[in-house]
Amino acid sequence: MSKQKHYLLYGHGGSYNHGAEASVKCTIELLRKISPDCRITLSSHFPEQDRQFNIDADEIIGRNLNESSYGKMYEETIASITPETVCISVGGDNYCYPNWQRYATIHNAAKSIGAKSILWSSSLEPSMIDDEMLDVLRTHDLITARESITADALENLGLKNVERVSDIAFGLEPEETKTPSNKYVSINLSPLIIRKNPEVLTAYQALVDEILDKTDYDIAFVPHVEVSVDNDIDALNQLRGDESRIFRVPSGLCAAQYKYIIGHSEICVASRTHVTIAAWSCRVPTIAIGYSTKASGIARDLGMDMCLCEMHDGSLKRLSEKFFNLANSFIEAREVLVNIHARKMSSRVVEELV
């Protein structure tokens, strides 16, 4: 009798980031299709959030914030790894931040005992890839890159363990919930990009004003990350307008419910990458704020360059113009999106998972 397959998902920051929630849920769904009797361990920074949003893991373990070393902080996670474990780093863009070594600690522990290690549905900032990071990336059994900027950068550095995929969250099924009206625009804004460029807030407010003044669209303000230090609701609450035509989507919904609201809008404007993923996968014409490799890369790979508003090249001044151009070519944009399909998992990816 074969041993039960064990998967460890790590690098997950908690389900109040609903992009992370969507990614973990879709990953678990895939793993249970591949290996129905598998056991799945989720290493999370906030296990209580994952229980609240019904993450289907067999066990959820946390971290020890009383410890300063990464090895001690993630001691329980590392202890769960056996040579037969398949370790999957699900954070997506965890290697885009200065503290990426914390996840490398788990990866290195896995490789030291012969376990398999996969960097999953990932984006990397090419300028951050130094020799230290490159050494870690080389030792992954597989890296699935969700956009071509990352894939090309890694392949140009000589890595042979890279596979192009669509972001795993493209496959999230929407869950029916209340929508604001029959004709509305979804708008998402994060405090992260306001900190990066305060002009974002000015551009968004001008867009809200013009939508309310010049169209019959209502507006849904859609949060997607609701962690205490980076809450989209705080950013969206800075936007003002005719409240009779504004629906402030409440907190506490799950990723699938937010996707339902986004998916029933006419047009979406979003700064969170997973909001654009929710919109595009529902064939909703979308303007993406390009603030990172993942945001810009996914938009370009889908042929949505005309809807990409880069944050630092002056494009913000043309946000309203881009919106109305998209509104005027709404039918054509929908037709383009109908032909967009998520990349299927290659046989190589499936083989590494089994």
Protein backbone atom coordinates (compact mmCIF):
# COMPACT_ATOMS: atom_id res chain seq x y z
CA MET A 1 0.00 0.00 0.00
CA SER A 2 1.43 3.40 -0.99
CA LYS A 3 2.03 5.99 1.69
CA GLN A 4 -0.37 8.91 1.99
CA LYS A 5 0.90 11.90 0.03
CA HIS A 6 1.85 14.85 2.25
CA TYR A 7 1.92 18.42 1.02
CA LEU A 8 3.19 21.39 3.03
CA LEU A 9 1.97 24.80 1.86
CA TYR A 10 3.98 27.63 3.35
CA GLY A 11 4.67 31.33 2.85
CA HIS A 12 0.99 32.14 3.39
CA GLY A 13 0.28 35.45 5.13
CA GLY A 14 -3.30 34.70 6.14
CA SER A 15 -6.72 34.87 4.51
CA TYR A 16 -7.45 38.51 5.27
CA ASN A 17 -5.41 38.92 2.11
CA HIS A 18 -8.09 37.49 -0.15
CA GLY A 19 -5.69 37.03 -3.04
CA ALA A 20 -3.71 34.72 -0.77
CA GLU A 21 -6.95 33.04 0.31
CA ALA A 22 -7.89 32.44 -3.32
CA SER A 23 -4.44 31.08 -4.17
CA VAL A 24 -4.40 28.64 -1.25
CA LYS A 25 -7.95 27.42 -1.87
CA CYS A 26 -7.28 26.85 -5.57
CA THR A 27 -3.99 25.11 -4.82
CA ILE A 28 -5.62 22.80 -2.29
CA GLU A 29 -8.41 22.02 -4.75
CA LEU A 30 -5.82 21.07 -7.39
CA LEU A 31 -3.85 18.91 -4.97
CA ARG A 32 -6.96 17.01 -3.87
CA LYS A 33 -7.80 16.32 -7.52
CA ILE A 34 -4.29 15.03 -8.17
CA SER A 35 -4.09 13.00 -4.94
CA PRO A 36 -7.55 12.57 -3.39
CA ASP A 37 -6.36 10.94 -0.18
CA CYS A 38 -3.49 13.35 0.46
CA ARG A 39 -2.79 15.14 3.73
CA ILE A 40 -2.28 18.89 3.47
CA THR A 41 -0.51 21.02 6.07
CA LEU A 42 -0.83 24.79 5.80
CA SER A 43 1.82 26.95 7.47
CA SER A 44 0.22 30.34 8.03
CA HIS A 45 1.10 33.60 9.72
CA PHE A 46 -2.50 33.86 10.94
CA PRO A 47 -4.15 30.43 11.33
CA GLU A 48 -7.28 31.94 12.88
CA GLN A 49 -7.96 33.84 9.64
CA ASP A 50 -7.71 30.64 7.61
CA ARG A 51 -10.11 28.83 9.89
CA GLN A 52 -12.53 31.76 9.62
CA PHE A 53 -12.49 31.46 5.83
CA ASN A 54 -12.71 27.66 5.82
CA ILE A 55 -9.38 26.75 4.29
CA ASP A 56 -9.59 23.01 3.57
CA ALA A 57 -6.27 21.96 5.06
CA ASP A 58 -5.95 18.92 7.29
CA GLU A 59 -3.87 20.92 9.73
CA ILE A 60 -2.97 24.59 10.03
CA ILE A 61 0.13 25.59 11.95
CA GLY A 62 1.48 29.01 12.83
CA ARG A 63 4.77 30.69 13.63
CA ASN A 64 6.48 31.69 16.86
CA LEU A 65 6.86 35.46 16.94
CA ASN A 66 8.79 35.27 20.19
CA GLU A 67 11.76 33.91 18.25
CA SER A 68 14.06 36.13 16.20
CA SER A 69 15.75 33.49 14.05
CA TYR A 70 13.77 32.18 11.10
CA GLY A 71 14.62 28.60 11.97
CA LYS A 72 13.08 28.96 15.43
CA MET A 73 10.20 31.13 14.20
CA TYR A 74 9.12 28.39 11.77
CA GLU A 75 10.25 25.47 13.89
CA GLU A 76 6.84 23.76 13.82
CA THR A 77 6.64 24.13 10.04
CA ILE A 78 10.11 22.68 9.53
CA ALA A 79 9.37 19.83 11.95
CA SER A 80 6.38 18.79 9.80
CA ILE A 81 8.62 18.07 6.78
CA THR A 82 9.69 14.52 5.98
CA PRO A 83 11.74 13.32 2.98
CA GLU A 84 8.43 12.39 1.28
CA THR A 85 6.82 15.83 1.77
CA VAL A 86 6.18 18.06 -1.23
CA CYS A 87 6.79 21.61 0.02
CA ILE A 88 5.02 24.37 -1.91
CA SER A 89 5.79 28.04 -1.33
CA VAL A 90 2.40 29.64 -2.06
CA GLY A 91 3.16 33.28 -1.27
CA GLY A 92 3.40 34.26 -4.93
CA ASP A 93 5.55 37.35 -4.58
CA ASN A 94 7.36 36.46 -1.33
CA TYR A 95 10.72 36.64 -3.10
CA CYS A 96 10.00 40.26 -4.09
CA TYR A 97 10.57 41.53 -0.56
CA PRO A 98 13.70 42.06 1.55
CA ASN A 99 12.73 39.34 4.04
CA TRP A 100 12.64 36.57 1.44
CA GLN A 101 15.25 34.63 3.44
CA ARG A 102 12.59 33.53 5.92
CA TYR A 103 10.99 31.38 3.21
CA ALA A 104 14.38 30.22 1.96
CA THR A 105 14.97 28.87 5.47
CA ILE A 106 12.01 26.51 5.08
CA HIS A 107 13.07 25.61 1.53
CA ASN A 108 16.64 24.85 2.63
CA ALA A 109 15.40 22.71 5.51
CA ALA A 110 13.28 20.71 3.08
CA LYS A 111 16.11 20.16 0.62
CA SER A 112 18.53 19.19 3.39
CA ILE A 113 16.49 16.05 4.13
CA GLY A 114 15.64 15.24 0.52
CA ALA A 115 12.10 16.65 0.34
CA LYS A 116 10.76 18.20 -2.83
CA SER A 117 10.44 22.00 -2.90
CA ILE A 118 8.38 24.10 -5.34
CA LEU A 119 8.11 27.87 -5.69
CA TRP A 120 4.50 28.21 -6.75
CA SER A 121 2.60 30.65 -9.00
CA SER A 122 5.36 33.16 -8.39
CA SER A 123 6.61 36.57 -9.47
CA LEU A 124 10.07 37.95 -8.83
CA GLU A 125 11.51 41.40 -9.26
CA PRO A 126 14.46 40.85 -11.63
CA SER A 127 16.52 43.67 -10.08
CA MET A 128 16.38 41.91 -6.68
CA ILE A 129 17.85 38.62 -7.89
CA ASP A 130 21.37 38.64 -6.49
CA ASP A 131 23.80 35.72 -6.19
CA GLU A 132 22.39 34.66 -2.82
CA MET A 133 18.82 34.49 -4.11
CA LEU A 134 19.90 32.85 -7.35
CA ASP A 135 21.60 30.03 -5.43
CA VAL A 136 18.31 29.37 -3.60
CA LEU A 137 16.19 29.57 -6.75
CA ARG A 138 18.42 27.05 -8.53
CA THR A 139 17.81 24.42 -5.87
CA HIS A 140 14.01 24.41 -6.19
CA ASP A 141 12.70 21.33 -7.94
CA LEU A 142 10.30 23.57 -9.84
CA ILE A 143 9.45 27.26 -10.15
CA THR A 144 6.10 28.10 -11.70
CA ALA A 145 6.18 31.68 -12.98
CA ARG A 146 2.81 33.35 -13.46
CA GLU A 147 4.01 35.96 -15.95
CA SER A 148 6.68 36.33 -18.62
CA ILE A 149 8.79 39.02 -16.90
CA THR A 150 9.68 36.54 -14.16
CA ALA A 151 9.97 33.54 -16.49
CA ASP A 152 12.22 35.37 -18.94
CA ALA A 153 14.45 36.77 -16.20
CA LEU A 154 15.01 33.34 -14.64
CA GLU A 155 15.57 31.61 -17.96
CA ASN A 156 18.04 34.32 -19.00
CA LEU A 157 19.95 33.56 -15.80
CA GLY A 158 20.27 29.95 -16.90
CA LEU A 159 17.62 28.31 -14.71
CA LYS A 160 16.14 25.14 -16.19
CA ASN A 161 13.51 24.55 -13.49
CA VAL A 162 11.02 27.21 -14.65
CA GLU A 163 7.54 26.62 -16.08
CA ARG A 164 5.13 29.34 -17.24
CA VAL A 165 1.66 29.07 -15.72
CA SER A 166 -1.35 31.27 -15.13
CA ASP A 167 -1.84 32.51 -11.59
CA ILE A 168 -3.57 29.65 -9.79
CA ALA A 169 -6.35 32.02 -8.63
CA PHE A 170 -7.68 32.34 -12.19
CA GLY A 171 -9.56 29.13 -11.41
CA LEU A 172 -11.46 30.38 -8.34
CA GLU A 173 -15.21 29.83 -8.75
CA PRO A 174 -17.32 32.89 -7.79
CA GLU A 175 -19.82 32.54 -4.94
CA GLU A 176 -23.11 34.38 -5.27
CA THR A 177 -23.61 37.38 -3.01
CA LYS A 178 -25.29 40.79 -3.09
CA THR A 179 -24.30 43.14 -5.91
CA PRO A 180 -24.87 46.91 -5.78
CA SER A 181 -26.96 47.45 -8.92
CA ASN A 182 -27.43 46.30 -12.50
CA LYS A 183 -24.74 48.59 -13.90
CA TYR A 184 -21.70 49.46 -11.89
CA VAL A 185 -17.94 49.88 -11.96
CA SER A 186 -15.75 48.02 -9.46
CA ILE A 187 -12.96 50.12 -7.99
CA ASN A 188 -10.20 48.74 -5.80
CA LEU A 189 -7.51 50.85 -4.14
CA SER A 190 -4.77 49.77 -1.77
CA PRO A 191 -2.82 51.85 0.76
CA LEU A 192 0.32 50.11 -0.51
CA ILE A 193 0.34 52.03 -3.77
CA ILE A 194 -0.70 55.27 -2.11
CA ARG A 195 2.45 54.97 -0.02
CA LYS A 196 4.46 54.28 -3.16
CA ASN A 197 2.97 57.27 -5.00
CA PRO A 198 0.47 59.65 -3.32
CA GLU A 199 -0.63 60.85 -6.77
CA VAL A 200 -2.63 57.63 -7.02
CA LEU A 201 -5.23 58.96 -4.59
CA THR A 202 -5.65 62.19 -6.57
CA ALA A 203 -6.04 60.25 -9.82
CA TYR A 204 -8.59 57.89 -8.30
CA GLN A 205 -10.68 60.71 -6.84
CA ALA A 206 -10.71 62.49 -10.20
CA LEU A 207 -11.86 59.23 -11.83
CA VAL A 208 -14.66 58.77 -9.30
CA ASP A 209 -15.82 62.34 -9.90
CA GLU A 210 -15.89 61.87 -13.66
CA ILE A 211 -17.70 58.53 -13.52
CA LEU A 212 -20.43 60.04 -11.35
CA ASP A 213 -20.65 63.24 -13.41
CA LYS A 214 -20.48 61.81 -16.93
CA THR A 215 -21.95 58.30 -16.80
CA ASP A 216 -24.89 56.40 -15.36
CA TYR A 217 -22.62 53.82 -13.74
CA ASP A 218 -22.87 53.22 -10.02
CA ILE A 219 -19.61 52.44 -8.23
CA ALA A 220 -18.66 49.53 -6.00
CA PHE A 221 -15.63 50.13 -3.78
CA VAL A 222 -14.15 46.64 -3.42
CA PRO A 223 -11.52 45.83 -0.76
CA HIS A 224 -9.38 42.74 -1.24
CA VAL A 225 -6.73 42.95 1.48
CA GLU A 226 -7.96 43.68 4.98
CA VAL A 227 -4.95 43.16 7.21
CA SER A 228 -4.52 45.72 9.97
CA VAL A 229 -1.39 47.38 8.57
CA ASP A 230 -2.50 47.41 4.94
CA ASN A 231 -6.29 47.58 4.77
CA ASP A 232 -7.88 48.49 1.44
CA ILE A 233 -10.94 49.83 3.27
CA ASP A 234 -8.77 52.57 4.78
CA ALA A 235 -7.71 53.62 1.28
CA LEU A 236 -11.19 53.37 -0.24
CA ASN A 237 -12.69 55.40 2.61
CA GLN A 238 -10.61 58.36 1.46
CA LEU A 239 -12.59 58.46 -1.80
CA ARG A 240 -15.73 60.59 -1.78
CA GLY A 241 -18.77 61.00 -3.99
CA ASP A 242 -22.55 60.72 -4.19
CA GLU A 243 -23.15 57.99 -1.63
CA SER A 244 -26.50 57.15 -3.22
CA ARG A 245 -24.52 55.77 -6.18
CA ILE A 246 -21.62 54.31 -4.22
CA PHE A 247 -21.71 50.82 -2.71
CA ARG A 248 -18.99 50.27 -0.15
CA VAL A 249 -18.56 46.52 -0.23
CA PRO A 250 -18.34 45.31 3.36
CA SER A 251 -15.44 43.48 4.91
CA GLY A 252 -15.74 39.86 5.90
CA LEU A 253 -16.64 38.39 2.52
CA CYS A 254 -14.55 35.54 1.15
CA ALA A 255 -12.47 35.73 -2.01
CA ALA A 256 -15.14 33.92 -4.05
CA GLN A 257 -17.80 36.42 -2.97
CA TYR A 258 -15.59 39.38 -3.83
CA LYS A 259 -14.99 37.75 -7.21
CA TYR A 260 -18.74 37.48 -7.76
CA ILE A 261 -19.15 41.23 -7.20
CA ILE A 262 -16.15 42.05 -9.39
CA GLY A 263 -17.30 39.63 -12.06
CA HIS A 264 -20.72 41.25 -12.40
CA SER A 265 -19.38 44.77 -12.91
CA GLU A 266 -19.17 46.44 -16.30
CA ILE A 267 -15.59 47.66 -15.86
CA CYS A 268 -12.99 47.25 -13.11
CA VAL A 269 -10.19 49.57 -11.98
CA ALA A 270 -7.83 47.88 -9.55
CA SER A 271 -4.52 48.28 -7.78
CA ARG A 272 -4.50 44.79 -6.24
CA THR A 273 -3.28 42.21 -8.72
CA HIS A 274 -5.71 39.55 -7.54
CA VAL A 275 -8.62 41.90 -8.16
CA THR A 276 -7.49 42.20 -11.78
CA ILE A 277 -7.18 38.41 -11.92
CA ALA A 278 -10.74 38.05 -10.58
CA ALA A 279 -11.99 40.56 -13.17
CA TRP A 280 -10.13 39.25 -16.21
CA SER A 281 -11.06 35.65 -15.45
CA CYS A 282 -14.72 36.79 -15.46
CA ARG A 283 -14.17 38.63 -18.78
CA VAL A 284 -14.56 42.09 -17.20
CA PRO A 285 -12.59 44.86 -19.00
CA THR A 286 -10.08 46.08 -16.43
CA ILE A 287 -7.60 48.87 -15.87
CA ALA A 288 -4.65 47.61 -13.83
CA ILE A 289 -2.34 49.88 -11.88
CA GLY A 290 1.14 48.65 -12.77
CA TYR A 291 3.12 48.89 -9.56
CA SER A 292 5.10 45.63 -9.69
CA THR A 293 6.38 42.82 -11.86
CA LYS A 294 3.26 40.75 -11.20
CA ALA A 295 0.82 43.55 -12.05
CA SER A 296 2.56 44.65 -15.23
CA GLY A 297 3.57 41.16 -16.36
CA ILE A 298 0.14 39.58 -16.08
CA ALA A 299 -1.54 42.50 -17.87
CA ARG A 300 0.93 42.37 -20.74
CA ASP A 301 0.73 38.59 -21.07
CA LEU A 302 -3.04 38.86 -21.47
CA GLY A 303 -2.64 41.47 -24.18
CA MET A 304 -4.07 44.15 -21.92
CA ASP A 305 -1.26 46.70 -22.38
CA MET A 306 -3.73 49.38 -23.36
CA CYS A 307 -5.42 48.94 -19.98
CA LEU A 308 -2.20 49.09 -17.95
CA CYS A 309 -1.61 52.30 -16.04
CA GLU A 310 2.00 52.29 -14.85
CA MET A 311 2.41 54.02 -11.54
CA HIS A 312 5.67 55.90 -12.12
CA ASP A 313 5.72 56.92 -15.78
CA GLY A 314 3.09 59.67 -15.77
CA SER A 315 0.25 57.33 -16.78
CA LEU A 316 -1.71 58.17 -13.64
CA LYS A 317 -2.55 61.56 -15.13
CA ARG A 318 -4.32 59.64 -17.90
CA LEU A 319 -6.26 57.25 -15.63
CA SER A 320 -9.64 58.87 -16.42
CA GLU A 321 -8.76 58.99 -20.11
CA LYS A 322 -7.89 55.30 -20.09
CA PHE A 323 -11.14 54.52 -18.32
CA PHE A 324 -13.31 56.32 -20.85
CA ASN A 325 -11.37 54.85 -23.76
CA LEU A 326 -12.09 51.43 -22.30
CA ALA A 327 -15.75 52.29 -21.70
CA ASN A 328 -16.09 53.45 -25.31
CA SER A 329 -14.56 50.21 -26.61
CA PHE A 330 -16.37 48.04 -24.09
CA ILE A 331 -17.79 45.56 -26.60
CA GLU A 332 -14.43 45.07 -28.33
CA ALA A 333 -12.69 44.61 -24.99
CA ARG A 334 -15.19 41.95 -23.97
CA GLU A 335 -14.61 40.12 -27.23
CA VAL A 336 -10.86 40.08 -26.62
CA LEU A 337 -11.37 38.75 -23.10
CA VAL A 338 -13.64 35.95 -24.28
CA ASN A 339 -10.62 34.46 -26.02
CA ILE A 340 -8.41 34.63 -22.93
CA HIS A 341 -7.98 31.33 -21.18
CA ALA A 342 -5.82 30.39 -18.26
CA ARG A 343 -2.78 28.30 -19.16
CA LYS A 344 -3.29 24.65 -18.31
CA MET A 345 -0.86 23.02 -15.94
CA SER A 346 1.85 21.33 -17.98
CA SER A 347 2.63 17.65 -17.52
CA ARG A 348 5.91 18.67 -15.91
CA VAL A 349 4.09 20.61 -13.18
CA VAL A 350 1.72 17.72 -12.47
CA GLU A 351 4.61 15.26 -12.37
CA GLU A 352 6.42 17.33 -9.75
CA LEU A 353 3.26 17.45 -7.62
CA VAL A 354 2.76 13.70 -7.68
